[in-house]
Amino acid sequence: MEATAYDLSIQSCGKSYSNPTRGITRDGYNLNRKSHSETWVVSSNKFPLGTKLQLEFPESHNKYSGVYTVRDTGNFDMNVLDVYIGDSGEDVHQEAIEFGRVEVKVLVLE
């Protein structure tokens, strides 16, 4: 599959800091003020909410390899996963920009 990255910026999610639904995933999980390492959340239109996925990234993105929970959906292709980077306010986090698009191996755990 292909992976992209998102944060809670207006550019990524379309919601300002004052929006009460900002950072709330489809399953109700609150991402506000949480980092990637605290959440290990991925958005997907291919896998049901709650699915646990083992993601294996190439060397350039190895720090993102690990077990993720599908907690959200989005407006993207079925063969794309959107990896949550963290909450850095209303501006796009540089890490999300630098992440780009990358091939990732996906193993469904449950």
C-alpha atoms as a PDB file:
ATOM      1  CA  MET A   1       0.000   0.000   0.000  1.00  0.00           C
ATOM      2  CA  GLU A   2       0.957   3.635  -0.076  1.00  0.00           C
ATOM      3  CA  ALA A   3       1.202   5.807   3.032  1.00  0.00           C
ATOM      4  CA  THR A   4       0.836   9.542   3.499  1.00  0.00           C
ATOM      5  CA  ALA A   5       0.910  11.586   6.702  1.00  0.00           C
ATOM      6  CA  TYR A   6      -1.450  14.007   8.394  1.00  0.00           C
ATOM      7  CA  ASP A   7      -1.540  16.249  11.423  1.00  0.00           C
ATOM      8  CA  LEU A   8      -4.331  18.362  12.921  1.00  0.00           C
ATOM      9  CA  SER A   9      -3.552  21.483  10.910  1.00  0.00           C
ATOM     10  CA  ILE A  10      -6.268  23.275   8.954  1.00  0.00           C
ATOM     11  CA  GLN A  11      -4.490  22.179   5.756  1.00  0.00           C
ATOM     12  CA  SER A  12      -4.645  18.486   6.732  1.00  0.00           C
ATOM     13  CA  CYS A  13      -8.020  18.294   8.451  1.00  0.00           C
ATOM     14  CA  GLY A  14      -9.851  21.477   7.485  1.00  0.00           C
ATOM     15  CA  LYS A  15     -10.760  22.365  11.067  1.00  0.00           C
ATOM     16  CA  SER A  16      -9.586  25.299  13.156  1.00  0.00           C
ATOM     17  CA  TYR A  17      -8.473  25.075  16.774  1.00  0.00           C
ATOM     18  CA  SER A  18     -11.861  26.392  17.887  1.00  0.00           C
ATOM     19  CA  ASN A  19     -13.839  23.673  16.075  1.00  0.00           C
ATOM     20  CA  PRO A  20     -15.198  21.226  18.704  1.00  0.00           C
ATOM     21  CA  THR A  21     -14.716  18.259  16.357  1.00  0.00           C
ATOM     22  CA  ARG A  22     -11.064  19.070  15.575  1.00  0.00           C
ATOM     23  CA  GLY A  23      -8.894  16.024  16.310  1.00  0.00           C
ATOM     24  CA  ILE A  24     -11.782  13.664  17.009  1.00  0.00           C
ATOM     25  CA  THR A  25     -11.492  10.507  14.910  1.00  0.00           C
ATOM     26  CA  ARG A  26     -14.398   8.620  13.340  1.00  0.00           C
ATOM     27  CA  ASP A  27     -14.431   6.224  16.325  1.00  0.00           C
ATOM     28  CA  GLY A  28     -14.423   9.105  18.847  1.00  0.00           C
ATOM     29  CA  TYR A  29     -10.747   9.010  19.842  1.00  0.00           C
ATOM     30  CA  ASN A  30      -9.301  12.432  20.737  1.00  0.00           C
ATOM     31  CA  LEU A  31      -5.977  13.197  18.997  1.00  0.00           C
ATOM     32  CA  ASN A  32      -5.692  16.759  20.341  1.00  0.00           C
ATOM     33  CA  ARG A  33      -2.292  17.509  21.894  1.00  0.00           C
ATOM     34  CA  LYS A  34      -1.126  13.936  21.280  1.00  0.00           C
ATOM     35  CA  SER A  35       1.989  12.900  19.396  1.00  0.00           C
ATOM     36  CA  HIS A  36       2.493  10.064  16.946  1.00  0.00           C
ATOM     37  CA  SER A  37       4.269   7.985  19.584  1.00  0.00           C
ATOM     38  CA  GLU A  38       1.328   8.363  21.981  1.00  0.00           C
ATOM     39  CA  THR A  39      -1.321   7.247  19.506  1.00  0.00           C
ATOM     40  CA  TRP A  40      -0.065   5.057  16.631  1.00  0.00           C
ATOM     41  CA  VAL A  41      -3.217   5.949  14.691  1.00  0.00           C
ATOM     42  CA  VAL A  42      -3.875   5.449  10.993  1.00  0.00           C
ATOM     43  CA  SER A  43      -6.790   6.489   8.779  1.00  0.00           C
ATOM     44  CA  SER A  44      -8.019   4.029   6.182  1.00  0.00           C
ATOM     45  CA  ASN A  45     -10.914   3.511   3.803  1.00  0.00           C
ATOM     46  CA  LYS A  46      -9.894  -0.123   3.224  1.00  0.00           C
ATOM     47  CA  PHE A  47      -9.899  -1.556   6.756  1.00  0.00           C
ATOM     48  CA  PRO A  48     -12.694  -1.363   9.362  1.00  0.00           C
ATOM     49  CA  LEU A  49     -12.314   0.883  12.398  1.00  0.00           C
ATOM     50  CA  GLY A  50     -10.492  -0.887  15.215  1.00  0.00           C
ATOM     51  CA  THR A  51      -8.354  -3.032  12.906  1.00  0.00           C
ATOM     52  CA  LYS A  52      -4.785  -3.508  14.149  1.00  0.00           C
ATOM     53  CA  LEU A  53      -2.166  -3.232  11.410  1.00  0.00           C
ATOM     54  CA  GLN A  54       1.559  -3.990  11.489  1.00  0.00           C
ATOM     55  CA  LEU A  55       3.197  -1.455   9.150  1.00  0.00           C
ATOM     56  CA  GLU A  56       6.705  -1.967   7.801  1.00  0.00           C
ATOM     57  CA  PHE A  57       8.210   1.142   6.247  1.00  0.00           C
ATOM     58  CA  PRO A  58      11.377   1.375   4.158  1.00  0.00           C
ATOM     59  CA  GLU A  59      14.622   2.493   5.814  1.00  0.00           C
ATOM     60  CA  SER A  60      13.921   6.166   5.039  1.00  0.00           C
ATOM     61  CA  HIS A  61      10.730   6.017   7.159  1.00  0.00           C
ATOM     62  CA  ASN A  62      11.675   3.192   9.531  1.00  0.00           C
ATOM     63  CA  LYS A  63      10.796   5.177  12.672  1.00  0.00           C
ATOM     64  CA  TYR A  64       7.131   4.827  11.674  1.00  0.00           C
ATOM     65  CA  SER A  65       7.206   1.018  11.555  1.00  0.00           C
ATOM     66  CA  GLY A  66       5.012  -0.554  14.214  1.00  0.00           C
ATOM     67  CA  VAL A  67       1.490  -1.565  15.178  1.00  0.00           C
ATOM     68  CA  TYR A  68      -1.275   0.914  14.386  1.00  0.00           C
ATOM     69  CA  THR A  69      -5.002   1.064  15.084  1.00  0.00           C
ATOM     70  CA  VAL A  70      -7.414   2.198  12.382  1.00  0.00           C
ATOM     71  CA  ARG A  71      -9.396   4.946  14.110  1.00  0.00           C
ATOM     72  CA  ASP A  72     -10.408   7.202  11.250  1.00  0.00           C
ATOM     73  CA  THR A  73     -11.431   7.385   7.607  1.00  0.00           C
ATOM     74  CA  GLY A  74     -10.705  10.034   5.024  1.00  0.00           C
ATOM     75  CA  ASN A  75     -11.144  11.299   1.506  1.00  0.00           C
ATOM     76  CA  PHE A  76      -8.424   9.257  -0.170  1.00  0.00           C
ATOM     77  CA  ASP A  77      -7.895   6.108  -2.218  1.00  0.00           C
ATOM     78  CA  MET A  78      -8.657   2.630  -0.844  1.00  0.00           C
ATOM     79  CA  ASN A  79      -4.991   1.624  -1.183  1.00  0.00           C
ATOM     80  CA  VAL A  80      -3.662   4.551   0.867  1.00  0.00           C
ATOM     81  CA  LEU A  81      -3.117   4.727   4.619  1.00  0.00           C
ATOM     82  CA  ASP A  82      -2.859   8.119   6.314  1.00  0.00           C
ATOM     83  CA  VAL A  83      -0.456   8.034   9.290  1.00  0.00           C
ATOM     84  CA  TYR A  84      -1.082  10.467  12.155  1.00  0.00           C
ATOM     85  CA  ILE A  85       2.072  12.533  12.831  1.00  0.00           C
ATOM     86  CA  GLY A  86       0.899  14.622  15.797  1.00  0.00           C
ATOM     87  CA  ASP A  87      -0.741  17.856  16.847  1.00  0.00           C
ATOM     88  CA  SER A  88       1.407  20.904  16.216  1.00  0.00           C
ATOM     89  CA  GLY A  89      -1.367  23.506  16.176  1.00  0.00           C
ATOM     90  CA  GLU A  90      -2.988  25.085  13.151  1.00  0.00           C
ATOM     91  CA  ASP A  91       0.076  25.074  10.891  1.00  0.00           C
ATOM     92  CA  VAL A  92       1.179  22.022   8.926  1.00  0.00           C
ATOM     93  CA  HIS A  93       3.874  20.108  10.796  1.00  0.00           C
ATOM     94  CA  GLN A  94       7.112  19.963   8.774  1.00  0.00           C
ATOM     95  CA  GLU A  95       7.298  16.228   9.437  1.00  0.00           C
ATOM     96  CA  ALA A  96       3.975  15.711   7.624  1.00  0.00           C
ATOM     97  CA  ILE A  97       5.284  17.618   4.606  1.00  0.00           C
ATOM     98  CA  GLU A  98       8.584  15.715   4.538  1.00  0.00           C
ATOM     99  CA  PHE A  99       6.819  12.341   4.922  1.00  0.00           C
ATOM    100  CA  GLY A 100       5.507  12.546   1.357  1.00  0.00           C
ATOM    101  CA  ARG A 101       4.128   9.351  -0.188  1.00  0.00           C
ATOM    102  CA  VAL A 102       5.857   6.057   0.553  1.00  0.00           C
ATOM    103  CA  GLU A 103       5.232   2.374  -0.074  1.00  0.00           C
ATOM    104  CA  VAL A 104       4.482   0.410   3.099  1.00  0.00           C
ATOM    105  CA  LYS A 105       4.008  -3.311   3.809  1.00  0.00           C
ATOM    106  CA  VAL A 106       0.781  -3.992   5.712  1.00  0.00           C
ATOM    107  CA  LEU A 107      -0.041  -7.037   7.810  1.00  0.00           C
ATOM    108  CA  VAL A 108      -3.521  -7.288   9.354  1.00  0.00           C
ATOM    109  CA  LEU A 109      -3.187  -8.435  12.979  1.00  0.00           C
ATOM    110  CA  GLU A 110      -6.875  -8.448  13.977  1.00  0.00           C
END
